[in-house]
Amino acid sequence: MWTFFYCFAQMKGKRKQSHYEALGMVPLEEEHFSDSVKAKLLAFKANRAKITYANTYRLEPRNKVRDYLVRDKAQAILTNRLQEAKYDGASSPSLCASISEDILKAVKALGFDRYKYVVSVLIVEKAGQAINVASRWVWDVQRDTWVSAKCETETFIALALIMACYYD
């Protein structure tokens, strides 16, 4: 125990080296600047100031997610983007990513406050098989919700899942 205390006392007495000293530079003092440079520096520092907000302690959103609006937007995007498309295994991942970004932008534009969204799009080729899609979440049943939209063509099935999680 005494060894630890002795080492701690030695470390406490040492002065930490600043970034300027480590780089071999001398920091500039503000008094050496002209008035115009000082004004610009103050304006720059003021713009960089981080704004902090007080907690509202609100547990309910003012504008809850309306499932039917989200479903209609997602369904419209899926049908518009995939109406004439044919299944291609090589281009499907990029198509899924672009469709999910479009759906995310459209859902955010609806203006539901205090929600975070997760959008997942899956495109599967029709080959006479069955498919089960499952996901697991830590869920608040009162505030969180999910919506699915499906688009079926001759060669593939596209499924979009939109999860809206309340963020307080």
N, C-alpha and C. Protein backbone atom coordinates (compact mmCIF):
# COMPACT_ATOMS: atom_id res chain seq x y z
N MET A 1 0.82 -1.18 0.00
CA MET A 1 0.00 0.00 0.00
C MET A 1 0.86 1.25 0.00
N TRP A 2 1.96 1.22 0.72
CA TRP A 2 2.82 2.41 0.78
C TRP A 2 3.49 2.65 -0.57
N THR A 3 3.77 1.58 -1.28
CA THR A 3 4.38 1.73 -2.58
C THR A 3 3.44 2.46 -3.53
N PHE A 4 2.16 2.10 -3.49
CA PHE A 4 1.17 2.76 -4.33
C PHE A 4 1.08 4.24 -3.97
N PHE A 5 1.04 4.54 -2.68
CA PHE A 5 0.91 5.93 -2.26
C PHE A 5 2.15 6.72 -2.68
N TYR A 6 3.32 6.12 -2.59
CA TYR A 6 4.55 6.80 -2.96
C TYR A 6 4.57 7.09 -4.46
N CYS A 7 4.14 6.09 -5.28
CA CYS A 7 4.10 6.30 -6.73
C CYS A 7 3.08 7.36 -7.09
N PHE A 8 1.93 7.36 -6.41
CA PHE A 8 0.91 8.35 -6.68
C PHE A 8 1.40 9.74 -6.31
N ALA A 9 2.11 9.85 -5.22
CA ALA A 9 2.64 11.16 -4.81
C ALA A 9 3.66 11.67 -5.81
N GLN A 10 4.47 10.78 -6.38
CA GLN A 10 5.44 11.19 -7.38
C GLN A 10 4.74 11.64 -8.66
N MET A 11 3.71 10.92 -9.08
CA MET A 11 2.99 11.29 -10.30
C MET A 11 2.24 12.59 -10.11
N LYS A 12 1.72 12.82 -8.92
CA LYS A 12 0.95 14.02 -8.67
C LYS A 12 1.82 15.26 -8.78
N GLY A 13 3.07 15.14 -8.40
CA GLY A 13 3.98 16.27 -8.43
C GLY A 13 4.45 16.64 -9.82
N LYS A 14 4.36 15.72 -10.79
CA LYS A 14 4.83 16.00 -12.14
C LYS A 14 3.82 16.86 -12.88
N ARG A 15 4.33 17.78 -13.68
CA ARG A 15 3.47 18.65 -14.47
C ARG A 15 3.25 17.99 -15.82
N LYS A 16 2.01 18.02 -16.29
CA LYS A 16 1.72 17.44 -17.60
C LYS A 16 2.19 18.39 -18.69
N GLN A 17 2.66 17.82 -19.75
CA GLN A 17 3.15 18.59 -20.88
C GLN A 17 1.97 19.02 -21.74
N SER A 18 1.92 20.29 -22.11
CA SER A 18 0.81 20.77 -22.94
C SER A 18 1.02 20.33 -24.38
N HIS A 19 -0.02 20.50 -25.18
CA HIS A 19 0.06 20.13 -26.60
C HIS A 19 1.07 21.00 -27.32
N TYR A 20 1.13 22.27 -26.95
CA TYR A 20 2.07 23.18 -27.60
C TYR A 20 3.52 22.79 -27.30
N GLU A 21 3.78 22.43 -26.05
CA GLU A 21 5.14 22.03 -25.69
C GLU A 21 5.53 20.73 -26.37
N ALA A 22 4.58 19.82 -26.50
CA ALA A 22 4.86 18.54 -27.15
C ALA A 22 5.23 18.74 -28.62
N LEU A 23 4.62 19.74 -29.25
CA LEU A 23 4.91 20.01 -30.65
C LEU A 23 6.07 20.97 -30.84
N GLY A 24 6.60 21.51 -29.74
CA GLY A 24 7.70 22.45 -29.83
C GLY A 24 7.26 23.83 -30.28
N MET A 25 6.02 24.17 -29.99
CA MET A 25 5.48 25.47 -30.40
C MET A 25 5.19 26.31 -29.16
N VAL A 26 5.09 27.59 -29.35
CA VAL A 26 4.72 28.50 -28.27
C VAL A 26 3.32 29.01 -28.57
N PRO A 27 2.38 28.91 -27.61
CA PRO A 27 1.04 29.39 -27.88
C PRO A 27 1.02 30.91 -28.03
N LEU A 28 0.20 31.39 -28.96
CA LEU A 28 0.08 32.82 -29.18
C LEU A 28 -0.85 33.43 -28.13
N GLU A 29 -0.46 34.53 -27.59
CA GLU A 29 -1.31 35.24 -26.64
C GLU A 29 -2.25 36.13 -27.41
N GLU A 30 -3.46 36.32 -26.89
CA GLU A 30 -4.45 37.11 -27.60
C GLU A 30 -4.11 38.60 -27.60
N GLU A 31 -3.26 39.02 -26.70
CA GLU A 31 -2.93 40.45 -26.64
C GLU A 31 -2.07 40.89 -27.82
N HIS A 32 -1.45 39.94 -28.52
CA HIS A 32 -0.62 40.28 -29.66
C HIS A 32 -1.44 40.48 -30.94
N PHE A 33 -2.72 40.13 -30.91
CA PHE A 33 -3.57 40.24 -32.09
C PHE A 33 -4.08 41.67 -32.25
N SER A 34 -4.37 42.02 -33.50
CA SER A 34 -4.99 43.32 -33.76
C SER A 34 -6.46 43.26 -33.37
N ASP A 35 -7.14 44.41 -33.34
CA ASP A 35 -8.54 44.46 -32.91
C ASP A 35 -9.45 43.68 -33.86
N SER A 36 -9.19 43.77 -35.16
CA SER A 36 -10.05 43.06 -36.11
C SER A 36 -9.90 41.55 -35.96
N VAL A 37 -8.67 41.09 -35.72
CA VAL A 37 -8.45 39.65 -35.54
C VAL A 37 -9.09 39.20 -34.24
N LYS A 38 -9.01 40.04 -33.18
CA LYS A 38 -9.67 39.69 -31.92
C LYS A 38 -11.17 39.57 -32.10
N ALA A 39 -11.77 40.49 -32.87
CA ALA A 39 -13.21 40.45 -33.10
C ALA A 39 -13.60 39.19 -33.86
N LYS A 40 -12.80 38.81 -34.86
CA LYS A 40 -13.08 37.59 -35.61
C LYS A 40 -12.92 36.36 -34.73
N LEU A 41 -11.92 36.37 -33.86
CA LEU A 41 -11.68 35.25 -32.96
C LEU A 41 -12.83 35.11 -31.97
N LEU A 42 -13.31 36.22 -31.44
CA LEU A 42 -14.44 36.17 -30.52
C LEU A 42 -15.71 35.68 -31.22
N ALA A 43 -15.94 36.14 -32.45
CA ALA A 43 -17.10 35.69 -33.20
C ALA A 43 -17.00 34.19 -33.49
N PHE A 44 -15.80 33.72 -33.81
CA PHE A 44 -15.59 32.30 -34.06
C PHE A 44 -15.86 31.48 -32.80
N LYS A 45 -15.36 31.97 -31.66
CA LYS A 45 -15.58 31.25 -30.40
C LYS A 45 -17.06 31.25 -30.02
N ALA A 46 -17.75 32.35 -30.29
CA ALA A 46 -19.18 32.44 -29.96
C ALA A 46 -19.99 31.47 -30.81
N ASN A 47 -19.61 31.31 -32.08
CA ASN A 47 -20.33 30.40 -32.95
C ASN A 47 -20.09 28.94 -32.57
N ARG A 48 -18.95 28.67 -31.97
CA ARG A 48 -18.61 27.30 -31.58
C ARG A 48 -19.22 26.90 -30.25
N ALA A 49 -19.78 27.87 -29.51
CA ALA A 49 -20.33 27.56 -28.20
C ALA A 49 -21.47 26.56 -28.34
N LYS A 50 -21.45 25.55 -27.52
CA LYS A 50 -22.47 24.51 -27.59
C LYS A 50 -23.69 24.95 -26.81
N ILE A 51 -24.83 24.85 -27.45
CA ILE A 51 -26.08 25.22 -26.80
C ILE A 51 -26.58 24.02 -26.02
N THR A 52 -26.89 24.23 -24.76
CA THR A 52 -27.44 23.16 -23.94
C THR A 52 -28.88 23.50 -23.59
N TYR A 53 -29.70 22.49 -23.59
CA TYR A 53 -31.11 22.66 -23.28
C TYR A 53 -31.43 21.94 -21.98
N ALA A 54 -32.37 22.48 -21.26
CA ALA A 54 -32.81 21.84 -20.02
C ALA A 54 -33.71 20.65 -20.35
N ASN A 55 -33.71 19.65 -19.49
CA ASN A 55 -34.58 18.49 -19.69
C ASN A 55 -36.04 18.90 -19.57
N THR A 56 -36.87 18.31 -20.40
CA THR A 56 -38.30 18.62 -20.33
C THR A 56 -39.05 17.63 -19.47
N TYR A 57 -38.48 16.46 -19.24
CA TYR A 57 -39.10 15.41 -18.44
C TYR A 57 -40.47 15.02 -19.00
N ARG A 58 -40.61 15.16 -20.30
CA ARG A 58 -41.84 14.79 -20.97
C ARG A 58 -41.74 13.33 -21.40
N LEU A 59 -42.73 12.54 -21.06
CA LEU A 59 -42.69 11.11 -21.36
C LEU A 59 -43.54 10.72 -22.55
N GLU A 60 -44.33 11.64 -23.07
CA GLU A 60 -45.18 11.36 -24.21
C GLU A 60 -44.83 12.31 -25.35
N PRO A 61 -44.83 11.83 -26.58
CA PRO A 61 -44.58 12.74 -27.71
C PRO A 61 -45.79 13.62 -27.97
N ARG A 62 -45.55 14.80 -28.49
CA ARG A 62 -46.66 15.69 -28.84
C ARG A 62 -47.34 15.22 -30.13
N ASN A 63 -46.54 14.65 -31.02
CA ASN A 63 -47.06 14.20 -32.31
C ASN A 63 -46.70 12.73 -32.46
N LYS A 64 -47.60 11.84 -32.07
CA LYS A 64 -47.32 10.40 -32.12
C LYS A 64 -47.27 9.90 -33.56
N VAL A 65 -46.56 8.81 -33.75
CA VAL A 65 -46.47 8.18 -35.06
C VAL A 65 -47.83 7.60 -35.43
N ARG A 66 -48.29 7.97 -36.59
CA ARG A 66 -49.54 7.40 -37.11
C ARG A 66 -49.16 6.34 -38.14
N ASP A 67 -49.46 5.12 -37.80
CA ASP A 67 -49.03 3.97 -38.59
C ASP A 67 -49.50 4.04 -40.04
N TYR A 68 -50.72 4.45 -40.24
CA TYR A 68 -51.28 4.45 -41.60
C TYR A 68 -50.55 5.43 -42.51
N LEU A 69 -50.09 6.56 -41.99
CA LEU A 69 -49.35 7.51 -42.82
C LEU A 69 -48.00 6.93 -43.24
N VAL A 70 -47.32 6.31 -42.29
CA VAL A 70 -46.01 5.70 -42.56
C VAL A 70 -46.17 4.55 -43.55
N ARG A 71 -47.19 3.73 -43.35
CA ARG A 71 -47.43 2.59 -44.25
C ARG A 71 -47.72 3.06 -45.67
N ASP A 72 -48.54 4.10 -45.79
CA ASP A 72 -48.87 4.63 -47.12
C ASP A 72 -47.63 5.18 -47.83
N LYS A 73 -46.79 5.92 -47.12
CA LYS A 73 -45.56 6.46 -47.71
C LYS A 73 -44.63 5.33 -48.16
N ALA A 74 -44.43 4.35 -47.29
CA ALA A 74 -43.53 3.24 -47.62
C ALA A 74 -44.07 2.43 -48.79
N GLN A 75 -45.37 2.20 -48.80
CA GLN A 75 -45.98 1.43 -49.89
C GLN A 75 -45.84 2.18 -51.22
N ALA A 76 -46.03 3.49 -51.19
CA ALA A 76 -45.91 4.29 -52.41
C ALA A 76 -44.48 4.28 -52.94
N ILE A 77 -43.52 4.39 -52.04
CA ILE A 77 -42.11 4.38 -52.47
C ILE A 77 -41.74 3.02 -53.05
N LEU A 78 -42.18 1.94 -52.39
CA LEU A 78 -41.87 0.60 -52.90
C LEU A 78 -42.48 0.38 -54.28
N THR A 79 -43.74 0.72 -54.46
CA THR A 79 -44.37 0.47 -55.76
C THR A 79 -43.78 1.36 -56.86
N ASN A 80 -43.45 2.61 -56.54
CA ASN A 80 -42.87 3.49 -57.55
C ASN A 80 -41.48 3.02 -57.99
N ARG A 81 -40.68 2.58 -57.03
CA ARG A 81 -39.31 2.19 -57.35
C ARG A 81 -39.21 0.80 -57.97
N LEU A 82 -40.15 -0.09 -57.64
CA LEU A 82 -40.01 -1.49 -58.03
C LEU A 82 -41.06 -1.97 -59.01
N GLN A 83 -41.87 -1.09 -59.53
CA GLN A 83 -42.98 -1.48 -60.39
C GLN A 83 -42.53 -2.25 -61.62
N GLU A 84 -41.53 -1.76 -62.30
CA GLU A 84 -41.07 -2.38 -63.55
C GLU A 84 -39.74 -3.13 -63.39
N ALA A 85 -39.26 -3.29 -62.20
CA ALA A 85 -37.95 -3.90 -61.97
C ALA A 85 -38.01 -5.42 -62.06
N LYS A 86 -36.90 -5.99 -62.44
CA LYS A 86 -36.72 -7.45 -62.45
C LYS A 86 -35.68 -7.79 -61.39
N TYR A 87 -35.77 -9.01 -60.86
CA TYR A 87 -34.84 -9.40 -59.81
C TYR A 87 -33.43 -9.58 -60.38
N ASP A 88 -32.46 -8.98 -59.68
CA ASP A 88 -31.05 -9.13 -60.01
C ASP A 88 -30.30 -9.23 -58.70
N GLY A 89 -29.70 -10.39 -58.44
CA GLY A 89 -29.03 -10.62 -57.17
C GLY A 89 -27.86 -9.69 -56.92
N ALA A 90 -27.20 -9.23 -57.99
CA ALA A 90 -26.03 -8.37 -57.82
C ALA A 90 -26.41 -6.94 -57.44
N SER A 91 -27.51 -6.45 -57.99
CA SER A 91 -27.88 -5.06 -57.73
C SER A 91 -28.88 -4.91 -56.59
N SER A 92 -29.39 -6.00 -56.06
CA SER A 92 -30.39 -5.92 -54.99
C SER A 92 -29.90 -5.24 -53.72
N PRO A 93 -28.67 -5.50 -53.24
CA PRO A 93 -28.24 -4.82 -52.01
C PRO A 93 -28.21 -3.30 -52.14
N SER A 94 -27.72 -2.79 -53.25
CA SER A 94 -27.69 -1.33 -53.42
C SER A 94 -29.09 -0.77 -53.60
N LEU A 95 -29.97 -1.53 -54.26
CA LEU A 95 -31.36 -1.10 -54.41
C LEU A 95 -32.06 -1.05 -53.06
N CYS A 96 -31.81 -2.05 -52.21
CA CYS A 96 -32.38 -2.07 -50.86
C CYS A 96 -31.91 -0.86 -50.06
N ALA A 97 -30.63 -0.54 -50.16
CA ALA A 97 -30.08 0.59 -49.42
C ALA A 97 -30.69 1.91 -49.88
N SER A 98 -30.83 2.09 -51.19
CA SER A 98 -31.39 3.35 -51.68
C SER A 98 -32.88 3.48 -51.35
N ILE A 99 -33.61 2.37 -51.41
CA ILE A 99 -35.03 2.42 -51.05
C ILE A 99 -35.19 2.71 -49.56
N SER A 100 -34.37 2.10 -48.72
CA SER A 100 -34.47 2.36 -47.28
C SER A 100 -34.14 3.81 -46.95
N GLU A 101 -33.17 4.40 -47.65
CA GLU A 101 -32.87 5.82 -47.44
C GLU A 101 -34.04 6.70 -47.87
N ASP A 102 -34.69 6.37 -48.99
CA ASP A 102 -35.85 7.13 -49.44
C ASP A 102 -37.00 7.05 -48.44
N ILE A 103 -37.24 5.85 -47.93
CA ILE A 103 -38.31 5.67 -46.95
C ILE A 103 -37.99 6.44 -45.67
N LEU A 104 -36.73 6.38 -45.24
CA LEU A 104 -36.33 7.10 -44.02
C LEU A 104 -36.53 8.60 -44.18
N LYS A 105 -36.14 9.15 -45.32
CA LYS A 105 -36.33 10.59 -45.56
C LYS A 105 -37.81 10.95 -45.57
N ALA A 106 -38.63 10.10 -46.20
CA ALA A 106 -40.07 10.38 -46.27
C ALA A 106 -40.72 10.31 -44.89
N VAL A 107 -40.30 9.35 -44.06
CA VAL A 107 -40.88 9.22 -42.72
C VAL A 107 -40.44 10.39 -41.84
N LYS A 108 -39.18 10.80 -41.95
CA LYS A 108 -38.72 11.95 -41.17
C LYS A 108 -39.45 13.23 -41.59
N ALA A 109 -39.80 13.33 -42.87
CA ALA A 109 -40.51 14.51 -43.36
C ALA A 109 -41.93 14.60 -42.80
N LEU A 110 -42.47 13.50 -42.30
CA LEU A 110 -43.81 13.53 -41.71
C LEU A 110 -43.84 14.31 -40.39
N GLY A 111 -42.69 14.47 -39.75
CA GLY A 111 -42.58 15.35 -38.59
C GLY A 111 -43.04 14.79 -37.26
N PHE A 112 -42.91 13.50 -37.05
CA PHE A 112 -43.22 12.94 -35.74
C PHE A 112 -42.06 13.25 -34.80
N ASP A 113 -42.33 13.92 -33.69
CA ASP A 113 -41.25 14.36 -32.82
C ASP A 113 -40.82 13.26 -31.84
N ARG A 114 -39.55 13.32 -31.49
CA ARG A 114 -38.93 12.44 -30.50
C ARG A 114 -38.95 10.97 -30.87
N TYR A 115 -38.76 10.66 -32.13
CA TYR A 115 -38.67 9.27 -32.57
C TYR A 115 -37.39 9.05 -33.36
N LYS A 116 -36.81 7.89 -33.16
CA LYS A 116 -35.69 7.42 -33.98
C LYS A 116 -36.24 6.28 -34.84
N TYR A 117 -35.76 6.23 -36.06
CA TYR A 117 -36.32 5.27 -37.02
C TYR A 117 -35.25 4.28 -37.47
N VAL A 118 -35.69 3.05 -37.67
CA VAL A 118 -34.86 2.01 -38.27
C VAL A 118 -35.65 1.47 -39.45
N VAL A 119 -35.05 1.52 -40.64
CA VAL A 119 -35.73 1.05 -41.85
C VAL A 119 -34.92 -0.11 -42.43
N SER A 120 -35.60 -1.20 -42.66
CA SER A 120 -34.96 -2.38 -43.23
C SER A 120 -35.76 -2.82 -44.45
N VAL A 121 -35.08 -2.98 -45.57
CA VAL A 121 -35.73 -3.41 -46.81
C VAL A 121 -35.09 -4.73 -47.23
N LEU A 122 -35.94 -5.67 -47.58
CA LEU A 122 -35.50 -7.01 -47.97
C LEU A 122 -36.11 -7.35 -49.32
N ILE A 123 -35.29 -7.76 -50.27
CA ILE A 123 -35.78 -8.19 -51.58
C ILE A 123 -35.40 -9.66 -51.76
N VAL A 124 -36.42 -10.50 -52.02
CA VAL A 124 -36.22 -11.93 -52.14
C VAL A 124 -36.78 -12.40 -53.48
N GLU A 125 -36.00 -13.22 -54.17
CA GLU A 125 -36.44 -13.76 -55.45
C GLU A 125 -37.54 -14.80 -55.24
N LYS A 126 -38.53 -14.77 -56.12
CA LYS A 126 -39.59 -15.78 -56.07
C LYS A 126 -39.07 -17.06 -56.70
N ALA A 127 -39.01 -18.10 -55.89
CA ALA A 127 -38.56 -19.39 -56.41
C ALA A 127 -39.38 -20.52 -55.79
N GLY A 128 -40.60 -20.21 -55.37
CA GLY A 128 -41.48 -21.23 -54.81
C GLY A 128 -41.13 -21.59 -53.37
N GLN A 129 -40.42 -20.77 -52.69
CA GLN A 129 -40.03 -21.07 -51.32
C GLN A 129 -40.88 -20.25 -50.34
N ALA A 130 -40.83 -20.65 -49.10
CA ALA A 130 -41.48 -19.91 -48.02
C ALA A 130 -40.40 -19.11 -47.30
N ILE A 131 -40.81 -18.01 -46.69
CA ILE A 131 -39.84 -17.18 -45.98
C ILE A 131 -40.46 -16.67 -44.68
N ASN A 132 -39.67 -16.69 -43.64
CA ASN A 132 -40.06 -16.11 -42.36
C ASN A 132 -39.05 -15.03 -42.01
N VAL A 133 -39.53 -13.83 -41.70
CA VAL A 133 -38.66 -12.72 -41.31
C VAL A 133 -38.95 -12.41 -39.85
N ALA A 134 -37.90 -12.37 -39.04
CA ALA A 134 -38.08 -12.10 -37.62
C ALA A 134 -37.06 -11.08 -37.16
N SER A 135 -37.44 -10.29 -36.18
CA SER A 135 -36.51 -9.34 -35.56
C SER A 135 -36.87 -9.22 -34.09
N ARG A 136 -35.87 -8.90 -33.28
CA ARG A 136 -36.09 -8.79 -31.84
C ARG A 136 -35.64 -7.42 -31.38
N TRP A 137 -36.41 -6.82 -30.50
CA TRP A 137 -36.11 -5.48 -30.00
C TRP A 137 -36.45 -5.41 -28.53
N VAL A 138 -35.77 -4.51 -27.84
CA VAL A 138 -36.20 -4.11 -26.50
C VAL A 138 -37.23 -3.02 -26.76
N TRP A 139 -38.45 -3.24 -26.36
CA TRP A 139 -39.56 -2.48 -26.88
C TRP A 139 -40.39 -1.86 -25.76
N ASP A 140 -40.82 -0.63 -25.98
CA ASP A 140 -41.78 0.01 -25.10
C ASP A 140 -43.13 -0.02 -25.82
N VAL A 141 -44.03 -0.85 -25.37
CA VAL A 141 -45.27 -1.11 -26.08
C VAL A 141 -46.13 0.15 -26.19
N GLN A 142 -46.07 1.03 -25.21
CA GLN A 142 -46.91 2.23 -25.23
C GLN A 142 -46.46 3.26 -26.25
N ARG A 143 -45.15 3.38 -26.48
CA ARG A 143 -44.64 4.47 -27.30
C ARG A 143 -44.02 4.03 -28.62
N ASP A 144 -43.43 2.85 -28.67
CA ASP A 144 -42.75 2.37 -29.88
C ASP A 144 -43.74 1.66 -30.79
N THR A 145 -43.43 1.67 -32.07
CA THR A 145 -44.31 1.00 -33.02
C THR A 145 -43.52 0.55 -34.24
N TRP A 146 -44.12 -0.27 -35.05
CA TRP A 146 -43.50 -0.72 -36.29
C TRP A 146 -44.56 -0.84 -37.38
N VAL A 147 -44.09 -0.74 -38.61
CA VAL A 147 -44.97 -0.80 -39.78
C VAL A 147 -44.26 -1.63 -40.84
N SER A 148 -45.04 -2.40 -41.59
CA SER A 148 -44.45 -3.14 -42.71
C SER A 148 -45.21 -2.79 -44.00
N ALA A 149 -44.48 -2.84 -45.09
CA ALA A 149 -45.07 -2.62 -46.41
C ALA A 149 -44.48 -3.66 -47.35
N LYS A 150 -45.30 -4.16 -48.27
CA LYS A 150 -44.86 -5.22 -49.16
C LYS A 150 -45.20 -4.86 -50.60
N CYS A 151 -44.26 -5.20 -51.49
CA CYS A 151 -44.48 -5.02 -52.92
C CYS A 151 -44.11 -6.34 -53.60
N GLU A 152 -45.04 -6.87 -54.36
CA GLU A 152 -44.81 -8.16 -55.01
C GLU A 152 -44.87 -7.99 -56.52
N THR A 153 -43.85 -8.47 -57.21
CA THR A 153 -43.82 -8.46 -58.67
C THR A 153 -43.75 -9.91 -59.18
N GLU A 154 -43.53 -10.07 -60.46
CA GLU A 154 -43.48 -11.41 -61.04
C GLU A 154 -42.24 -12.18 -60.60
N THR A 155 -41.12 -11.46 -60.36
CA THR A 155 -39.86 -12.14 -60.09
C THR A 155 -39.38 -12.05 -58.65
N PHE A 156 -39.92 -11.12 -57.86
CA PHE A 156 -39.43 -10.98 -56.49
C PHE A 156 -40.50 -10.39 -55.58
N ILE A 157 -40.20 -10.46 -54.28
CA ILE A 157 -41.03 -9.84 -53.24
C ILE A 157 -40.14 -8.89 -52.47
N ALA A 158 -40.61 -7.67 -52.25
CA ALA A 158 -39.87 -6.69 -51.46
C ALA A 158 -40.66 -6.40 -50.19
N LEU A 159 -39.97 -6.41 -49.08
CA LEU A 159 -40.59 -6.16 -47.78
C LEU A 159 -39.83 -5.03 -47.09
N ALA A 160 -40.55 -4.03 -46.64
CA ALA A 160 -39.94 -2.92 -45.90
C ALA A 160 -40.49 -2.94 -44.48
N LEU A 161 -39.59 -2.90 -43.50
CA LEU A 161 -39.96 -2.81 -42.09
C LEU A 161 -39.48 -1.48 -41.56
N ILE A 162 -40.37 -0.71 -40.96
CA ILE A 162 -40.03 0.58 -40.39
C ILE A 162 -40.33 0.51 -38.90
N MET A 163 -39.31 0.66 -38.07
CA MET A 163 -39.48 0.67 -36.63
C MET A 163 -39.29 2.11 -36.14
N ALA A 164 -40.24 2.58 -35.34
CA ALA A 164 -40.19 3.93 -34.76
C ALA A 164 -40.04 3.75 -33.25
N CYS A 165 -38.90 4.15 -32.73
CA CYS A 165 -38.60 4.02 -31.31
C CYS A 165 -38.61 5.39 -30.66
N TYR A 166 -39.38 5.52 -29.59
CA TYR A 166 -39.50 6.80 -28.89
C TYR A 166 -38.16 7.14 -28.23
N TYR A 167 -37.74 8.37 -28.40
CA TYR A 167 -36.45 8.85 -27.88
C TYR A 167 -36.71 10.05 -27.00
N ASP A 168 -36.56 9.87 -25.69
CA ASP A 168 -36.78 11.01 -24.79
C ASP A 168 -35.52 11.66 -24.36
